[in-house]
Amino acid sequence: MQVQDHAETAQLLAELRLEHRDLDAAINQLASAIGRDELQLTRLKKRKLLLKDHIARLESKLIPDLDA
């Protein structure tokens, strides 16, 4: 992986982690609300899981391949 690719991936990771934290806060707030929207809550949770998977894939790209 080139240095520029590494920097871009690291920047994207930071943005995705921030969005993941924001979703976590929104989910917690919505979950504790009276008369909460279960459909919206489910959608936010699904989006959060997709972000977690995307973050994991990007993190694995940052790990250098080692020759066995």
Protein backbone atom coordinates (compact mmCIF):
# COMPACT_ATOMS: atom_id res chain seq x y z
CA MET A 1 0.00 0.00 0.00
CA GLN A 2 1.36 3.39 -0.95
CA VAL A 3 1.78 6.19 1.56
CA GLN A 4 -1.00 8.27 -0.03
CA ASP A 5 -3.39 5.30 -0.01
CA HIS A 6 -2.50 4.65 3.61
CA ALA A 7 -3.22 8.26 4.56
CA GLU A 8 -6.53 8.27 2.68
CA THR A 9 -7.57 5.01 4.31
CA ALA A 10 -6.64 6.34 7.74
CA GLN A 11 -8.68 9.50 7.11
CA LEU A 12 -11.68 7.47 5.96
CA LEU A 13 -11.35 5.26 9.03
CA ALA A 14 -11.44 8.30 11.30
CA GLU A 15 -14.58 9.58 9.59
CA LEU A 16 -16.29 6.20 9.81
CA ARG A 17 -15.40 5.82 13.50
CA LEU A 18 -16.88 9.24 14.18
CA GLU A 19 -20.08 8.32 12.34
CA HIS A 20 -20.18 5.03 14.29
CA ARG A 21 -19.93 6.92 17.61
CA ASP A 22 -22.62 9.36 16.50
CA LEU A 23 -24.92 6.50 15.58
CA ASP A 24 -24.27 4.88 18.94
CA ALA A 25 -25.32 8.07 20.71
CA ALA A 26 -28.43 8.41 18.52
CA ILE A 27 -29.38 4.79 19.15
CA ASN A 28 -29.00 5.20 22.91
CA GLN A 29 -31.07 8.37 22.87
CA LEU A 30 -33.81 6.86 20.72
CA ALA A 31 -33.86 3.64 22.76
CA SER A 32 -34.55 5.57 25.96
CA ALA A 33 -37.20 7.80 24.40
CA ILE A 34 -40.85 7.37 25.27
CA GLY A 35 -42.88 6.28 22.24
CA ARG A 36 -39.76 5.39 20.31
CA ASP A 37 -39.83 4.48 16.64
CA GLU A 38 -38.79 0.82 16.53
CA LEU A 39 -38.34 0.85 12.76
CA GLN A 40 -35.99 3.83 12.93
CA LEU A 41 -34.12 2.20 15.81
CA THR A 42 -33.67 -1.00 13.78
CA ARG A 43 -32.42 0.97 10.77
CA LEU A 44 -29.88 2.85 12.88
CA LYS A 45 -28.63 -0.40 14.41
CA LYS A 46 -28.28 -1.99 10.98
CA ARG A 47 -26.37 1.05 9.69
CA LYS A 48 -24.10 0.88 12.74
CA LEU A 49 -23.32 -2.80 12.05
CA LEU A 50 -22.56 -2.04 8.40
CA LEU A 51 -20.18 0.71 9.49
CA LYS A 52 -18.50 -1.66 11.94
CA ASP A 53 -17.93 -4.18 9.14
CA HIS A 54 -16.58 -1.48 6.82
CA ILE A 55 -14.23 -0.23 9.55
CA ALA A 56 -12.95 -3.77 10.13
CA ARG A 57 -12.25 -4.25 6.41
CA LEU A 58 -10.35 -0.97 6.21
CA GLU A 59 -8.36 -1.76 9.34
CA SER A 60 -7.31 -5.06 7.83
CA LYS A 61 -6.11 -3.21 4.71
CA LEU A 62 -3.80 -1.11 6.90
CA ILE A 63 -2.09 -4.18 8.34
CA PRO A 64 0.91 -5.01 6.16
CA ASP A 65 1.03 -8.44 4.56
CA LEU A 66 3.83 -10.53 6.01
CA ASP A 67 5.55 -13.17 3.96
CA ALA A 68 5.33 -16.52 5.67
